[in-house]
Amino acid sequence: MKKKISLELGSGGKLMRDFIAQHIVKTFNNPFLDELSDSALLPRQIAFTTDSYVVDPIFFPGGDIGTLCINGTVNDLIVSGAEPKYISLSLILEEGMSWEELEKILKSIKKSAKKAGVEITTGDTKVVRRGQGDKIYINTSGIGKILTKPSIKKIRPGDKIILTGTLGEHSLAVMLARGDFGLESTAKSDCAPLNFLLPFWKEGVLWMRDITRGGLATVLCELAEKTDFSLLIDEEKIPLSRAVRGATELLGIDPFYLACEGRAVLLVPKKKANELLEKIKMDPLGKKAKIIGEVENKIGKPGELLLSTCSGGLRLLEPLTSELLPRIC
């Protein structure tokens, strides 16, 4: 039987990582791809990223596919150490989509781009027949100016992990907007540009990632695998909104694997952690930021991500292995 593509391939988890390593990197092998970062760091201080957006539904509490495509692209540049400058916008439209919906999305894109300080400079539009798409898909590419580069090799035991806000609002907002579970909630997507984090690259931040597909656990697993140490995070210190806590407990979903679109996790030197935390909390997007863990060399094995649980035990966290919620971005 021939192998076929499954939804898990786009989850941001282990299957997707294996696909990229075994098929994409292997086929197009070059130094820029080998880094497997959110953006390619090119010569002449240029950062380049691209992404595609297929979220369902295209409108959800707190945003829409328009706000998502701009903020997602901008954030990929920021967490790579680059100041976002220019974005391309390519639309794949389905025959029969209403002009009203399209105009609303274009206005969201314009508003989001202005807020993030980027310009839409090129793009493309294609239309597919009715039934061959789902209203609208968007592809964006972003170019930024590199301010600095992540310094994973400088990570040492005792360095701290900072989470900029609560987890999972984006996943929950999209999930409930679909009406699949019959639940009502006040949850809104956290979708937002993370420009406020740019100055911290010059204040000693060693590494940064936005928490999208695969959630906090997958993002930190990927970091741990690139170091000679383990990472330990504290369950009691990880901020969750009341809506996310209630919904995940009711549905049996692990919040550590839920996606955000306006949150980041930073790794910072131990000596600067408290100072940087207080500065992050001064911005509205970072007011609930917390130090949630640290780099370890005495607990666990190198490359492991461990969770200190509320019950007092240790739990090994692994990358996402199955799709919790398809088409969230």
Protein backbone atom coordinates (compact mmCIF):
# COMPACT_ATOMS: atom_id res chain seq x y z
CA MET A 1 0.00 0.00 0.00
CA LYS A 2 1.30 3.44 -0.94
CA LYS A 3 2.06 5.84 1.88
CA LYS A 4 -0.26 8.83 2.05
CA ILE A 5 -0.07 12.23 3.71
CA SER A 6 -1.84 12.52 7.07
CA LEU A 7 -2.95 15.58 9.04
CA GLU A 8 -0.21 14.93 11.60
CA LEU A 9 2.37 15.97 9.02
CA GLY A 10 1.35 19.60 9.55
CA SER A 11 1.14 19.48 13.33
CA GLY A 12 4.53 20.99 14.10
CA GLY A 13 5.36 17.81 16.02
CA LYS A 14 7.65 14.83 15.55
CA LEU A 15 6.16 13.62 12.25
CA MET A 16 6.60 17.05 10.70
CA ARG A 17 10.15 17.35 11.99
CA ASP A 18 11.03 13.92 10.60
CA PHE A 19 9.53 14.85 7.23
CA ILE A 20 11.55 18.06 7.05
CA ALA A 21 14.78 16.32 8.06
CA GLN A 22 14.37 13.25 5.84
CA HIS A 23 12.83 14.84 2.77
CA ILE A 24 13.24 18.63 2.66
CA VAL A 25 16.72 19.08 4.15
CA LYS A 26 18.01 15.90 2.53
CA THR A 27 16.75 16.93 -0.91
CA PHE A 28 17.78 20.61 -0.81
CA ASN A 29 20.76 20.29 1.51
CA ASN A 30 22.50 23.63 2.22
CA PRO A 31 23.82 25.49 5.29
CA PHE A 32 20.76 27.75 5.56
CA LEU A 33 18.29 24.85 5.69
CA ASP A 34 20.46 22.84 8.08
CA GLU A 35 19.80 25.36 10.86
CA LEU A 36 16.04 24.52 10.83
CA SER A 37 15.22 27.89 12.39
CA ASP A 38 12.08 30.00 12.00
CA SER A 39 13.92 32.19 9.50
CA ALA A 40 16.91 31.68 7.24
CA LEU A 41 19.75 33.98 8.26
CA LEU A 42 21.28 35.05 4.96
CA PRO A 43 24.37 37.11 4.03
CA ARG A 44 24.28 40.91 4.27
CA GLN A 45 22.28 40.81 7.51
CA ILE A 46 19.10 39.56 5.80
CA ALA A 47 16.58 37.25 7.48
CA PHE A 48 14.04 35.49 5.27
CA THR A 49 11.00 33.46 6.27
CA THR A 50 7.86 32.07 4.64
CA ASP A 51 4.63 30.53 5.87
CA SER A 52 1.21 29.41 4.64
CA TYR A 53 -2.10 29.88 6.46
CA VAL A 54 -5.09 27.54 6.15
CA VAL A 55 -6.88 28.22 9.47
CA ASP A 56 -10.43 26.93 9.87
CA PRO A 57 -12.59 28.93 10.45
CA ILE A 58 -11.10 31.99 8.80
CA PHE A 59 -12.72 34.26 11.42
CA PHE A 60 -12.32 33.43 15.12
CA PRO A 61 -12.52 35.31 18.45
CA GLY A 62 -9.56 37.66 18.62
CA GLY A 63 -8.62 37.65 14.95
CA ASP A 64 -8.89 36.16 11.49
CA ILE A 65 -6.66 34.65 8.82
CA GLY A 66 -5.53 38.18 7.92
CA THR A 67 -4.20 39.10 11.36
CA LEU A 68 -2.74 35.62 11.64
CA CYS A 69 -0.73 35.72 8.41
CA ILE A 70 0.95 39.02 9.27
CA ASN A 71 1.65 38.35 12.93
CA GLY A 72 2.86 34.82 12.30
CA THR A 73 5.36 35.99 9.69
CA VAL A 74 6.51 38.98 11.74
CA ASN A 75 7.02 36.84 14.83
CA ASP A 76 9.12 34.27 12.97
CA LEU A 77 11.53 37.05 12.06
CA ILE A 78 11.59 38.58 15.54
CA VAL A 79 12.40 35.33 17.35
CA SER A 80 15.23 34.80 14.87
CA GLY A 81 16.85 38.06 15.91
CA ALA A 82 15.63 40.17 13.01
CA GLU A 83 13.63 43.38 12.68
CA PRO A 84 10.71 42.74 10.25
CA LYS A 85 10.64 45.03 7.20
CA TYR A 86 8.79 43.66 4.17
CA ILE A 87 6.16 40.99 3.49
CA SER A 88 4.81 39.33 0.37
CA LEU A 89 1.13 38.39 0.21
CA SER A 90 -0.20 35.58 -1.96
CA LEU A 91 -3.90 34.69 -1.94
CA ILE A 92 -5.48 31.43 -3.07
CA LEU A 93 -9.21 32.11 -3.29
CA GLU A 94 -12.06 29.68 -3.80
CA GLU A 95 -14.71 30.48 -6.38
CA GLY A 96 -17.83 31.65 -4.55
CA MET A 97 -16.13 33.31 -1.59
CA SER A 98 -17.97 36.50 -0.69
CA TRP A 99 -16.40 39.86 -1.49
CA GLU A 100 -17.46 41.06 1.95
CA GLU A 101 -15.31 38.42 3.65
CA LEU A 102 -12.36 39.12 1.39
CA GLU A 103 -12.53 42.86 2.02
CA LYS A 104 -12.70 42.29 5.76
CA ILE A 105 -9.60 40.10 5.64
CA LEU A 106 -7.67 42.64 3.53
CA LYS A 107 -8.51 45.36 6.06
CA SER A 108 -7.23 43.11 8.86
CA ILE A 109 -4.00 42.57 6.94
CA LYS A 110 -3.54 46.32 6.42
CA LYS A 111 -4.21 47.09 10.09
CA SER A 112 -1.92 44.29 11.33
CA ALA A 113 0.92 45.26 8.98
CA LYS A 114 0.76 48.88 10.15
CA LYS A 115 0.83 47.81 13.80
CA ALA A 116 3.81 45.52 13.20
CA GLY A 117 5.69 48.15 11.19
CA VAL A 118 5.96 46.16 7.95
CA GLU A 119 5.00 46.86 4.35
CA ILE A 120 3.26 44.58 1.87
CA THR A 121 5.53 44.93 -1.16
CA THR A 122 4.62 42.10 -3.55
CA GLY A 123 2.23 39.19 -3.95
CA ASP A 124 0.01 37.06 -6.15
CA THR A 125 -3.63 35.98 -6.48
CA LYS A 126 -5.00 32.68 -7.76
CA VAL A 127 -8.58 31.35 -7.82
CA VAL A 128 -9.55 27.66 -7.67
CA ARG A 129 -12.91 26.16 -8.57
CA ARG A 130 -15.71 25.86 -6.03
CA GLY A 131 -15.06 22.86 -3.79
CA GLN A 132 -11.33 22.77 -4.49
CA GLY A 133 -10.38 25.09 -1.62
CA ASP A 134 -11.82 26.40 1.62
CA LYS A 135 -12.65 30.06 0.91
CA ILE A 136 -9.10 31.38 1.26
CA TYR A 137 -5.54 30.22 1.83
CA ILE A 138 -2.72 32.75 2.29
CA ASN A 139 1.03 32.45 1.79
CA THR A 140 3.40 35.11 3.09
CA SER A 141 7.14 35.62 3.01
CA GLY A 142 8.95 38.08 5.22
CA ILE A 143 12.28 39.88 5.03
CA GLY A 144 13.97 41.45 8.02
CA LYS A 145 17.25 43.03 9.10
CA ILE A 146 19.31 40.81 11.39
CA LEU A 147 20.07 42.54 14.70
CA THR A 148 21.82 39.57 16.29
CA LYS A 149 21.82 35.80 16.08
CA PRO A 150 20.66 33.25 18.69
CA SER A 151 23.52 31.94 20.83
CA ILE A 152 22.61 28.37 21.73
CA LYS A 153 26.28 27.49 22.25
CA LYS A 154 26.45 30.05 25.08
CA ILE A 155 23.69 28.35 27.10
CA ARG A 156 24.87 27.19 30.52
CA PRO A 157 23.31 25.44 33.56
CA GLY A 158 21.28 27.87 35.65
CA ASP A 159 20.17 30.00 32.70
CA LYS A 160 16.47 30.78 32.97
CA ILE A 161 13.44 30.12 30.79
CA ILE A 162 10.94 32.99 30.51
CA LEU A 163 7.41 32.56 29.15
CA THR A 164 5.87 35.86 28.03
CA GLY A 165 2.24 35.02 28.84
CA THR A 166 -0.49 32.45 29.25
CA LEU A 167 -0.66 29.38 27.04
CA GLY A 168 -3.19 28.06 24.58
CA GLU A 169 -5.67 30.88 23.93
CA HIS A 170 -5.25 30.69 20.16
CA SER A 171 -5.88 26.95 19.95
CA LEU A 172 -8.86 27.20 22.28
CA ALA A 173 -10.42 30.14 20.42
CA VAL A 174 -10.16 28.36 17.05
CA MET A 175 -11.41 25.08 18.48
CA LEU A 176 -14.49 26.62 20.06
CA ALA A 177 -15.20 28.72 16.96
CA ARG A 178 -15.71 25.45 15.08
CA GLY A 179 -18.49 24.44 17.46
CA ASP A 180 -17.29 20.83 17.59
CA PHE A 181 -17.54 20.47 21.37
CA GLY A 182 -20.66 22.46 22.19
CA LEU A 183 -18.75 24.60 24.69
CA GLU A 184 -18.99 28.34 25.24
CA SER A 185 -16.09 30.44 26.41
CA THR A 186 -14.82 34.01 26.56
CA ALA A 187 -11.44 32.85 25.22
CA LYS A 188 -9.89 34.98 22.46
CA SER A 189 -6.85 34.25 20.35
CA ASP A 190 -3.65 35.82 21.65
CA CYS A 191 -2.66 36.64 18.05
CA ALA A 192 -0.34 39.67 18.17
CA PRO A 193 3.02 40.96 16.85
CA LEU A 194 5.92 40.49 19.26
CA ASN A 195 7.89 43.60 18.26
CA PHE A 196 8.28 44.56 21.92
CA LEU A 197 10.74 41.68 22.30
CA LEU A 198 13.22 42.99 19.72
CA PRO A 199 15.26 45.19 22.12
CA PHE A 200 15.92 42.24 24.42
CA TRP A 201 18.17 40.61 21.83
CA LYS A 202 20.73 43.31 22.60
CA GLU A 203 20.27 42.84 26.35
CA GLY A 204 21.59 39.31 26.48
CA VAL A 205 18.80 36.97 25.34
CA LEU A 206 20.40 33.72 24.17
CA TRP A 207 17.47 32.15 22.33
CA MET A 208 13.82 32.88 21.56
CA ARG A 209 10.88 31.10 19.88
CA ASP A 210 7.23 31.90 19.36
CA ILE A 211 4.94 29.15 20.65
CA THR A 212 2.96 27.99 17.65
CA ARG A 213 2.20 24.48 16.38
CA GLY A 214 3.32 21.81 18.81
CA GLY A 215 3.03 24.14 21.79
CA LEU A 216 5.48 24.96 24.56
CA ALA A 217 6.54 21.34 25.09
CA THR A 218 7.54 20.75 21.47
CA VAL A 219 9.38 24.08 21.21
CA LEU A 220 11.43 23.40 24.34
CA CYS A 221 12.09 19.79 23.31
CA GLU A 222 13.65 21.08 20.11
CA LEU A 223 15.83 23.47 22.10
CA ALA A 224 16.90 20.79 24.58
CA GLU A 225 18.01 18.52 21.74
CA LYS A 226 20.39 21.22 20.51
CA THR A 227 22.14 21.62 23.88
CA ASP A 228 24.36 19.48 26.09
CA PHE A 229 21.96 19.88 29.00
CA SER A 230 18.43 19.12 30.12
CA LEU A 231 15.67 21.67 30.63
CA LEU A 232 13.47 21.67 33.73
CA ILE A 233 10.18 23.61 33.87
CA ASP A 234 7.83 23.99 36.83
CA GLU A 235 4.15 23.21 36.26
CA GLU A 236 3.04 25.53 39.07
CA LYS A 237 4.80 28.51 37.47
CA ILE A 238 3.33 28.13 33.98
CA PRO A 239 0.50 30.69 33.58
CA LEU A 240 -2.84 29.45 32.22
CA SER A 241 -5.99 31.49 31.84
CA ARG A 242 -9.12 30.30 33.60
CA ALA A 243 -10.72 29.54 30.22
CA VAL A 244 -7.83 27.38 29.03
CA ARG A 245 -7.45 25.60 32.35
CA GLY A 246 -11.15 24.76 32.49
CA ALA A 247 -11.45 23.64 28.87
CA THR A 248 -8.33 21.50 28.88
CA GLU A 249 -9.35 19.75 32.11
CA LEU A 250 -12.84 19.11 30.76
CA LEU A 251 -11.63 17.82 27.38
CA GLY A 252 -8.54 16.01 28.62
CA ILE A 253 -6.15 18.11 26.51
CA ASP A 254 -2.59 18.86 27.62
CA PRO A 255 -2.16 22.67 27.54
CA PHE A 256 1.60 22.32 27.05
CA TYR A 257 0.91 21.24 23.46
CA LEU A 258 -1.57 24.00 22.56
CA ALA A 259 -0.55 26.72 20.12
CA CYS A 260 -0.26 30.44 20.74
CA GLU A 261 0.14 33.23 18.18
CA GLY A 262 1.28 36.03 20.46
CA ARG A 263 3.48 34.33 23.04
CA ALA A 264 7.18 33.52 23.10
CA VAL A 265 9.58 31.59 25.26
CA LEU A 266 13.04 33.03 25.93
CA LEU A 267 16.21 31.59 27.35
CA VAL A 268 18.27 34.19 29.20
CA PRO A 269 21.44 34.26 31.32
CA LYS A 270 20.81 33.55 35.00
CA LYS A 271 22.28 36.90 36.14
CA LYS A 272 19.99 38.94 33.88
CA ALA A 273 16.79 36.90 34.27
CA ASN A 274 14.97 38.97 36.89
CA GLU A 275 15.90 42.28 35.26
CA LEU A 276 14.71 41.11 31.84
CA LEU A 277 11.52 39.66 33.30
CA GLU A 278 10.56 42.98 34.85
CA LYS A 279 11.16 44.80 31.55
CA ILE A 280 9.09 42.26 29.63
CA LYS A 281 6.22 42.68 32.10
CA MET A 282 6.11 46.42 31.38
CA ASP A 283 4.55 45.70 27.97
CA PRO A 284 0.83 44.75 27.89
CA LEU A 285 1.71 41.58 25.95
CA GLY A 286 4.18 40.57 28.62
CA LYS A 287 2.40 41.56 31.82
CA LYS A 288 1.81 37.90 32.79
CA ALA A 289 5.34 36.77 31.94
CA LYS A 290 7.06 34.39 34.35
CA ILE A 291 10.28 32.51 34.83
CA ILE A 292 9.08 28.93 34.39
CA GLY A 293 12.28 26.90 34.54
CA GLU A 294 15.99 26.64 33.91
CA VAL A 295 18.82 24.77 32.25
CA GLU A 296 19.96 21.73 34.25
CA ASN A 297 23.04 19.50 34.35
CA LYS A 298 22.16 17.49 37.46
CA ILE A 299 18.58 16.41 36.73
CA GLY A 300 17.72 14.31 33.69
CA LYS A 301 19.83 13.50 30.67
CA PRO A 302 21.23 15.90 28.06
CA GLY A 303 18.57 16.73 25.50
CA GLU A 304 15.60 15.99 27.79
CA LEU A 305 12.73 18.30 28.76
CA LEU A 306 11.41 17.60 32.24
CA LEU A 307 8.33 18.93 34.00
CA SER A 308 8.28 19.32 37.77
CA THR A 309 4.64 18.49 38.43
CA CYS A 310 2.26 19.99 40.97
CA SER A 311 2.21 16.64 42.75
CA GLY A 312 5.94 16.76 43.32
CA GLY A 313 7.13 14.32 40.67
CA LEU A 314 9.02 14.62 37.42
CA ARG A 315 7.47 14.00 34.00
CA LEU A 316 9.39 13.60 30.77
CA LEU A 317 7.90 15.78 28.03
CA GLU A 318 8.33 14.76 24.41
CA PRO A 319 7.54 16.48 21.09
CA LEU A 320 3.93 16.33 19.90
CA THR A 321 3.31 13.00 18.17
CA SER A 322 -0.26 13.42 16.91
CA GLU A 323 -2.42 16.30 15.68
CA LEU A 324 -4.37 17.84 18.56
CA LEU A 325 -6.19 20.35 16.41
CA PRO A 326 -5.62 20.55 12.64
CA ARG A 327 -5.61 23.83 10.71
CA ILE A 328 -5.10 26.25 13.58
CA CYS A 329 -2.91 28.55 11.49
